[in-house]
Amino acid sequence: MNDQDILTHIQSLVEEEHALREGATDGRAPDQSRLKYVEESLDQCWDLLRQRRAKKDSGENPNEAQARPISEVEGYRQ
């Protein structure tokens, strides 16, 4: 997966997140489990993209970056 593939996937997840949240404004509760999955997947994708860019900037192979487990990514401090 290259940077553009990751960005395309991020865009797809953002669109789904917005759709889930917009449904909530129509008086319906969003599917909380799906919303949680989408939010976690977004965090994981952003982390992978940051890893790839860091490797590229330091002269390493960005293809060696790997998606970290959601449990690890969600544990980062903001």
PDB file of N, CA and C in Angstrom:
ATOM      1  N   MET A   1       0.850  -1.166   0.000  1.00  0.00           N
ATOM      2  CA  MET A   1       0.000   0.000   0.000  1.00  0.00           C
ATOM      3  C   MET A   1       0.902   1.237   0.000  1.00  0.00           C
ATOM      4  N   ASN A   2       0.681   2.152  -0.931  1.00  0.00           N
ATOM      5  CA  ASN A   2       1.483   3.371  -0.978  1.00  0.00           C
ATOM      6  C   ASN A   2       0.731   4.523  -0.311  1.00  0.00           C
ATOM      7  N   ASP A   3       1.389   5.682  -0.242  1.00  0.00           N
ATOM      8  CA  ASP A   3       0.781   6.828   0.445  1.00  0.00           C
ATOM      9  C   ASP A   3      -0.571   7.201  -0.159  1.00  0.00           C
ATOM     10  N   GLN A   4      -0.661   7.199  -1.480  1.00  0.00           N
ATOM     11  CA  GLN A   4      -1.918   7.576  -2.122  1.00  0.00           C
ATOM     12  C   GLN A   4      -3.031   6.586  -1.795  1.00  0.00           C
ATOM     13  N   ASP A   5      -2.714   5.300  -1.738  1.00  0.00           N
ATOM     14  CA  ASP A   5      -3.708   4.294  -1.356  1.00  0.00           C
ATOM     15  C   ASP A   5      -4.206   4.547   0.060  1.00  0.00           C
ATOM     16  N   ILE A   6      -3.285   4.884   0.955  1.00  0.00           N
ATOM     17  CA  ILE A   6      -3.663   5.147   2.346  1.00  0.00           C
ATOM     18  C   ILE A   6      -4.550   6.388   2.416  1.00  0.00           C
ATOM     19  N   LEU A   7      -4.164   7.438   1.691  1.00  0.00           N
ATOM     20  CA  LEU A   7      -4.979   8.654   1.686  1.00  0.00           C
ATOM     21  C   LEU A   7      -6.370   8.418   1.111  1.00  0.00           C
ATOM     22  N   THR A   8      -6.461   7.594   0.083  1.00  0.00           N
ATOM     23  CA  THR A   8      -7.764   7.252  -0.492  1.00  0.00           C
ATOM     24  C   THR A   8      -8.616   6.501   0.525  1.00  0.00           C
ATOM     25  N   HIS A   9      -7.997   5.589   1.247  1.00  0.00           N
ATOM     26  CA  HIS A   9      -8.711   4.835   2.282  1.00  0.00           C
ATOM     27  C   HIS A   9      -9.153   5.771   3.415  1.00  0.00           C
ATOM     28  N   ILE A  10      -8.285   6.704   3.790  1.00  0.00           N
ATOM     29  CA  ILE A  10      -8.636   7.682   4.821  1.00  0.00           C
ATOM     30  C   ILE A  10      -9.846   8.491   4.377  1.00  0.00           C
ATOM     31  N   GLN A  11      -9.843   8.941   3.130  1.00  0.00           N
ATOM     32  CA  GLN A  11     -10.970   9.725   2.623  1.00  0.00           C
ATOM     33  C   GLN A  11     -12.270   8.925   2.679  1.00  0.00           C
ATOM     34  N   SER A  12     -12.194   7.671   2.328  1.00  0.00           N
ATOM     35  CA  SER A  12     -13.371   6.803   2.376  1.00  0.00           C
ATOM     36  C   SER A  12     -13.888   6.664   3.808  1.00  0.00           C
ATOM     37  N   LEU A  13     -12.964   6.485   4.746  1.00  0.00           N
ATOM     38  CA  LEU A  13     -13.361   6.357   6.151  1.00  0.00           C
ATOM     39  C   LEU A  13     -13.947   7.662   6.685  1.00  0.00           C
ATOM     40  N   VAL A  14     -13.383   8.792   6.285  1.00  0.00           N
ATOM     41  CA  VAL A  14     -13.906  10.090   6.724  1.00  0.00           C
ATOM     42  C   VAL A  14     -15.322  10.285   6.206  1.00  0.00           C
ATOM     43  N   GLU A  15     -15.552   9.926   4.956  1.00  0.00           N
ATOM     44  CA  GLU A  15     -16.897  10.043   4.391  1.00  0.00           C
ATOM     45  C   GLU A  15     -17.884   9.161   5.145  1.00  0.00           C
ATOM     46  N   GLU A  16     -17.463   7.942   5.489  1.00  0.00           N
ATOM     47  CA  GLU A  16     -18.339   7.055   6.250  1.00  0.00           C
ATOM     48  C   GLU A  16     -18.597   7.611   7.645  1.00  0.00           C
ATOM     49  N   GLU A  17     -17.560   8.160   8.268  1.00  0.00           N
ATOM     50  CA  GLU A  17     -17.731   8.743   9.603  1.00  0.00           C
ATOM     51  C   GLU A  17     -18.746   9.882   9.557  1.00  0.00           C
ATOM     52  N   HIS A  18     -18.619  10.750   8.563  1.00  0.00           N
ATOM     53  CA  HIS A  18     -19.556  11.861   8.424  1.00  0.00           C
ATOM     54  C   HIS A  18     -20.975  11.356   8.208  1.00  0.00           C
ATOM     55  N   ALA A  19     -21.129  10.344   7.384  1.00  0.00           N
ATOM     56  CA  ALA A  19     -22.459   9.785   7.125  1.00  0.00           C
ATOM     57  C   ALA A  19     -23.062   9.205   8.403  1.00  0.00           C
ATOM     58  N   LEU A  20     -22.250   8.522   9.180  1.00  0.00           N
ATOM     59  CA  LEU A  20     -22.741   7.962  10.444  1.00  0.00           C
ATOM     60  C   LEU A  20     -23.165   9.070  11.397  1.00  0.00           C
ATOM     61  N   ARG A  21     -22.359  10.107  11.483  1.00  0.00           N
ATOM     62  CA  ARG A  21     -22.671  11.217  12.390  1.00  0.00           C
ATOM     63  C   ARG A  21     -23.876  12.026  11.900  1.00  0.00           C
ATOM     64  N   GLU A  22     -23.995  12.213  10.597  1.00  0.00           N
ATOM     65  CA  GLU A  22     -25.134  12.949  10.048  1.00  0.00           C
ATOM     66  C   GLU A  22     -26.435  12.204  10.312  1.00  0.00           C
ATOM     67  N   GLY A  23     -26.382  10.900  10.268  1.00  0.00           N
ATOM     68  CA  GLY A  23     -27.562  10.104  10.595  1.00  0.00           C
ATOM     69  C   GLY A  23     -28.015  10.366  12.017  1.00  0.00           C
ATOM     70  N   ALA A  24     -27.076  10.640  12.896  1.00  0.00           N
ATOM     71  CA  ALA A  24     -27.398  10.909  14.293  1.00  0.00           C
ATOM     72  C   ALA A  24     -28.125  12.238  14.442  1.00  0.00           C
ATOM     73  N   THR A  25     -27.850  13.196  13.560  1.00  0.00           N
ATOM     74  CA  THR A  25     -28.519  14.496  13.658  1.00  0.00           C
ATOM     75  C   THR A  25     -29.952  14.426  13.141  1.00  0.00           C
ATOM     76  N   ASP A  26     -30.289  13.365  12.449  1.00  0.00           N
ATOM     77  CA  ASP A  26     -31.651  13.192  11.956  1.00  0.00           C
ATOM     78  C   ASP A  26     -32.538  12.517  12.988  1.00  0.00           C
ATOM     79  N   GLY A  27     -32.074  12.467  14.218  1.00  0.00           N
ATOM     80  CA  GLY A  27     -32.872  11.862  15.276  1.00  0.00           C
ATOM     81  C   GLY A  27     -32.592  10.387  15.493  1.00  0.00           C
ATOM     82  N   ARG A  28     -31.735   9.822  14.676  1.00  0.00           N
ATOM     83  CA  ARG A  28     -31.368   8.422  14.846  1.00  0.00           C
ATOM     84  C   ARG A  28     -30.022   8.352  15.544  1.00  0.00           C
ATOM     85  N   ALA A  29     -29.851   7.350  16.336  1.00  0.00           N
ATOM     86  CA  ALA A  29     -28.557   7.136  16.976  1.00  0.00           C
ATOM     87  C   ALA A  29     -27.632   6.453  15.971  1.00  0.00           C
ATOM     88  N   PRO A  30     -26.381   6.909  15.889  1.00  0.00           N
ATOM     89  CA  PRO A  30     -25.458   6.248  14.958  1.00  0.00           C
ATOM     90  C   PRO A  30     -25.117   4.854  15.461  1.00  0.00           C
ATOM     91  N   ASP A  31     -24.715   4.007  14.550  1.00  0.00           N
ATOM     92  CA  ASP A  31     -24.245   2.669  14.902  1.00  0.00           C
ATOM     93  C   ASP A  31     -22.925   2.847  15.653  1.00  0.00           C
ATOM     94  N   GLN A  32     -22.969   2.785  16.971  1.00  0.00           N
ATOM     95  CA  GLN A  32     -21.806   3.084  17.801  1.00  0.00           C
ATOM     96  C   GLN A  32     -20.632   2.140  17.545  1.00  0.00           C
ATOM     97  N   SER A  33     -20.928   0.878  17.333  1.00  0.00           N
ATOM     98  CA  SER A  33     -19.825  -0.060  17.107  1.00  0.00           C
ATOM     99  C   SER A  33     -19.139   0.223  15.769  1.00  0.00           C
ATOM    100  N   ARG A  34     -19.915   0.566  14.759  1.00  0.00           N
ATOM    101  CA  ARG A  34     -19.324   0.885  13.458  1.00  0.00           C
ATOM    102  C   ARG A  34     -18.562   2.205  13.530  1.00  0.00           C
ATOM    103  N   LEU A  35     -19.120   3.178  14.227  1.00  0.00           N
ATOM    104  CA  LEU A  35     -18.462   4.470  14.374  1.00  0.00           C
ATOM    105  C   LEU A  35     -17.131   4.303  15.101  1.00  0.00           C
ATOM    106  N   LYS A  36     -17.105   3.495  16.135  1.00  0.00           N
ATOM    107  CA  LYS A  36     -15.871   3.235  16.881  1.00  0.00           C
ATOM    108  C   LYS A  36     -14.841   2.576  15.965  1.00  0.00           C
ATOM    109  N   TYR A  37     -15.263   1.598  15.178  1.00  0.00           N
ATOM    110  CA  TYR A  37     -14.373   0.916  14.249  1.00  0.00           C
ATOM    111  C   TYR A  37     -13.787   1.903  13.241  1.00  0.00           C
ATOM    112  N   VAL A  38     -14.626   2.770  12.685  1.00  0.00           N
ATOM    113  CA  VAL A  38     -14.174   3.745  11.689  1.00  0.00           C
ATOM    114  C   VAL A  38     -13.170   4.709  12.319  1.00  0.00           C
ATOM    115  N   GLU A  39     -13.465   5.205  13.517  1.00  0.00           N
ATOM    116  CA  GLU A  39     -12.555   6.130  14.196  1.00  0.00           C
ATOM    117  C   GLU A  39     -11.202   5.469  14.478  1.00  0.00           C
ATOM    118  N   GLU A  40     -11.230   4.238  14.940  1.00  0.00           N
ATOM    119  CA  GLU A  40      -9.982   3.515  15.219  1.00  0.00           C
ATOM    120  C   GLU A  40      -9.213   3.231  13.938  1.00  0.00           C
ATOM    121  N   SER A  41      -9.914   2.883  12.893  1.00  0.00           N
ATOM    122  CA  SER A  41      -9.262   2.633  11.606  1.00  0.00           C
ATOM    123  C   SER A  41      -8.608   3.894  11.065  1.00  0.00           C
ATOM    124  N   LEU A  42      -9.274   5.030  11.247  1.00  0.00           N
ATOM    125  CA  LEU A  42      -8.683   6.299  10.830  1.00  0.00           C
ATOM    126  C   LEU A  42      -7.384   6.566  11.586  1.00  0.00           C
ATOM    127  N   ASP A  43      -7.405   6.379  12.886  1.00  0.00           N
ATOM    128  CA  ASP A  43      -6.190   6.580  13.684  1.00  0.00           C
ATOM    129  C   ASP A  43      -5.070   5.663  13.207  1.00  0.00           C
ATOM    130  N   GLN A  44      -5.413   4.433  12.907  1.00  0.00           N
ATOM    131  CA  GLN A  44      -4.428   3.455  12.452  1.00  0.00           C
ATOM    132  C   GLN A  44      -3.851   3.867  11.090  1.00  0.00           C
ATOM    133  N   CYS A  45      -4.694   4.333  10.193  1.00  0.00           N
ATOM    134  CA  CYS A  45      -4.231   4.760   8.872  1.00  0.00           C
ATOM    135  C   CYS A  45      -3.336   5.991   8.972  1.00  0.00           C
ATOM    136  N   TRP A  46      -3.740   6.970   9.786  1.00  0.00           N
ATOM    137  CA  TRP A  46      -2.906   8.162   9.954  1.00  0.00           C
ATOM    138  C   TRP A  46      -1.554   7.790  10.536  1.00  0.00           C
ATOM    139  N   ASP A  47      -1.538   6.870  11.495  1.00  0.00           N
ATOM    140  CA  ASP A  47      -0.282   6.424  12.090  1.00  0.00           C
ATOM    141  C   ASP A  47       0.615   5.774  11.034  1.00  0.00           C
ATOM    142  N   LEU A  48       0.042   4.933  10.212  1.00  0.00           N
ATOM    143  CA  LEU A  48       0.816   4.270   9.160  1.00  0.00           C
ATOM    144  C   LEU A  48       1.378   5.299   8.181  1.00  0.00           C
ATOM    145  N   LEU A  49       0.570   6.275   7.808  1.00  0.00           N
ATOM    146  CA  LEU A  49       1.030   7.308   6.889  1.00  0.00           C
ATOM    147  C   LEU A  49       2.176   8.112   7.509  1.00  0.00           C
ATOM    148  N   ARG A  50       2.056   8.453   8.801  1.00  0.00           N
ATOM    149  CA  ARG A  50       3.145   9.170   9.485  1.00  0.00           C
ATOM    150  C   ARG A  50       4.413   8.324   9.524  1.00  0.00           C
ATOM    151  N   GLN A  51       4.276   7.027   9.780  1.00  0.00           N
ATOM    152  CA  GLN A  51       5.438   6.134   9.780  1.00  0.00           C
ATOM    153  C   GLN A  51       6.126   6.127   8.420  1.00  0.00           C
ATOM    154  N   ARG A  52       5.330   5.999   7.367  1.00  0.00           N
ATOM    155  CA  ARG A  52       5.884   5.944   6.011  1.00  0.00           C
ATOM    156  C   ARG A  52       6.630   7.235   5.680  1.00  0.00           C
ATOM    157  N   ARG A  53       6.030   8.374   6.032  1.00  0.00           N
ATOM    158  CA  ARG A  53       6.655   9.653   5.737  1.00  0.00           C
ATOM    159  C   ARG A  53       7.945   9.828   6.539  1.00  0.00           C
ATOM    160  N   ALA A  54       7.947   9.393   7.786  1.00  0.00           N
ATOM    161  CA  ALA A  54       9.150   9.490   8.619  1.00  0.00           C
ATOM    162  C   ALA A  54      10.270   8.625   8.044  1.00  0.00           C
ATOM    163  N   LYS A  55       9.931   7.421   7.618  1.00  0.00           N
ATOM    164  CA  LYS A  55      10.941   6.546   7.030  1.00  0.00           C
ATOM    165  C   LYS A  55      11.503   7.158   5.749  1.00  0.00           C
ATOM    166  N   LYS A  56      10.619   7.688   4.921  1.00  0.00           N
ATOM    167  CA  LYS A  56      11.059   8.306   3.665  1.00  0.00           C
ATOM    168  C   LYS A  56      11.977   9.495   3.960  1.00  0.00           C
ATOM    169  N   ASP A  57      11.599  10.329   4.935  1.00  0.00           N
ATOM    170  CA  ASP A  57      12.398  11.509   5.281  1.00  0.00           C
ATOM    171  C   ASP A  57      13.765  11.144   5.840  1.00  0.00           C
ATOM    172  N   SER A  58      13.866   9.983   6.483  1.00  0.00           N
ATOM    173  CA  SER A  58      15.154   9.579   7.061  1.00  0.00           C
ATOM    174  C   SER A  58      15.947   8.657   6.135  1.00  0.00           C
ATOM    175  N   GLY A  59      15.481   8.521   4.885  1.00  0.00           N
ATOM    176  CA  GLY A  59      16.214   7.740   3.895  1.00  0.00           C
ATOM    177  C   GLY A  59      15.956   6.248   3.969  1.00  0.00           C
ATOM    178  N   GLU A  60      14.986   5.844   4.764  1.00  0.00           N
ATOM    179  CA  GLU A  60      14.639   4.427   4.862  1.00  0.00           C
ATOM    180  C   GLU A  60      13.546   4.088   3.856  1.00  0.00           C
ATOM    181  N   ASN A  61      13.277   2.804   3.726  1.00  0.00           N
ATOM    182  CA  ASN A  61      12.250   2.327   2.814  1.00  0.00           C
ATOM    183  C   ASN A  61      10.873   2.481   3.468  1.00  0.00           C
ATOM    184  N   PRO A  62       9.993   3.336   2.917  1.00  0.00           N
ATOM    185  CA  PRO A  62       8.675   3.520   3.514  1.00  0.00           C
ATOM    186  C   PRO A  62       7.807   2.259   3.468  1.00  0.00           C
ATOM    187  N   ASN A  63       8.147   1.337   2.579  1.00  0.00           N
ATOM    188  CA  ASN A  63       7.374   0.102   2.481  1.00  0.00           C
ATOM    189  C   ASN A  63       7.611  -0.831   3.664  1.00  0.00           C
ATOM    190  N   GLU A  64       8.610  -0.514   4.481  1.00  0.00           N
ATOM    191  CA  GLU A  64       8.859  -1.315   5.674  1.00  0.00           C
ATOM    192  C   GLU A  64       7.942  -0.923   6.831  1.00  0.00           C
ATOM    193  N   ALA A  65       7.236   0.194   6.711  1.00  0.00           N
ATOM    194  CA  ALA A  65       6.287   0.613   7.749  1.00  0.00           C
ATOM    195  C   ALA A  65       5.127  -0.374   7.778  1.00  0.00           C
ATOM    196  N   GLN A  66       4.670  -0.659   8.972  1.00  0.00           N
ATOM    197  CA  GLN A  66       3.558  -1.590   9.135  1.00  0.00           C
ATOM    198  C   GLN A  66       2.497  -0.983  10.042  1.00  0.00           C
ATOM    199  N   ALA A  67       1.256  -1.318   9.746  1.00  0.00           N
ATOM    200  CA  ALA A  67       0.162  -0.844  10.587  1.00  0.00           C
ATOM    201  C   ALA A  67       0.325  -1.431  11.984  1.00  0.00           C
ATOM    202  N   ARG A  68       0.245  -0.555  12.962  1.00  0.00           N
ATOM    203  CA  ARG A  68       0.333  -0.995  14.347  1.00  0.00           C
ATOM    204  C   ARG A  68      -1.043  -1.426  14.817  1.00  0.00           C
ATOM    205  N   PRO A  69      -1.092  -2.279  15.831  1.00  0.00           N
ATOM    206  CA  PRO A  69      -2.391  -2.705  16.354  1.00  0.00           C
ATOM    207  C   PRO A  69      -3.189  -1.508  16.874  1.00  0.00           C
ATOM    208  N   ILE A  70      -4.487  -1.579  16.731  1.00  0.00           N
ATOM    209  CA  ILE A  70      -5.358  -0.504  17.200  1.00  0.00           C
ATOM    210  C   ILE A  70      -5.133  -0.241  18.683  1.00  0.00           C
ATOM    211  N   SER A  71      -4.917  -1.294  19.455  1.00  0.00           N
ATOM    212  CA  SER A  71      -4.704  -1.108  20.891  1.00  0.00           C
ATOM    213  C   SER A  71      -3.479  -0.238  21.156  1.00  0.00           C
ATOM    214  N   GLU A  72      -2.471  -0.339  20.320  1.00  0.00           N
ATOM    215  CA  GLU A  72      -1.269   0.485  20.478  1.00  0.00           C
ATOM    216  C   GLU A  72      -1.527   1.912  20.013  1.00  0.00           C
ATOM    217  N   VAL A  73      -2.140   2.053  18.864  1.00  0.00           N
ATOM    218  CA  VAL A  73      -2.393   3.375  18.299  1.00  0.00           C
ATOM    219  C   VAL A  73      -3.337   4.179  19.197  1.00  0.00           C
ATOM    220  N   GLU A  74      -4.330   3.529  19.736  1.00  0.00           N
ATOM    221  CA  GLU A  74      -5.295   4.210  20.594  1.00  0.00           C
ATOM    222  C   GLU A  74      -4.698   4.609  21.940  1.00  0.00           C
ATOM    223  N   GLY A  75      -3.556   4.028  22.286  1.00  0.00           N
ATOM    224  CA  GLY A  75      -2.920   4.333  23.558  1.00  0.00           C
ATOM    225  C   GLY A  75      -1.999   5.551  23.502  1.00  0.00           C
ATOM    226  N   TYR A  76      -1.800   6.138  22.328  1.00  0.00           N
ATOM    227  CA  TYR A  76      -0.918   7.288  22.191  1.00  0.00           C
ATOM    228  C   TYR A  76      -1.527   8.506  22.891  1.00  0.00           C
ATOM    229  N   ARG A  77      -0.668   9.309  23.444  1.00  0.00           N
ATOM    230  CA  ARG A  77      -1.121  10.577  24.030  1.00  0.00           C
ATOM    231  C   ARG A  77      -1.223  11.609  22.942  1.00  0.00           C
ATOM    232  N   GLN A  78      -2.199  12.455  23.062  1.00  0.00           N
ATOM    233  CA  GLN A  78      -2.400  13.534  22.086  1.00  0.00           C
ATOM    234  C   GLN A  78      -1.593  14.743  22.467  1.00  0.00           C
TER     235      GLN A  78
END
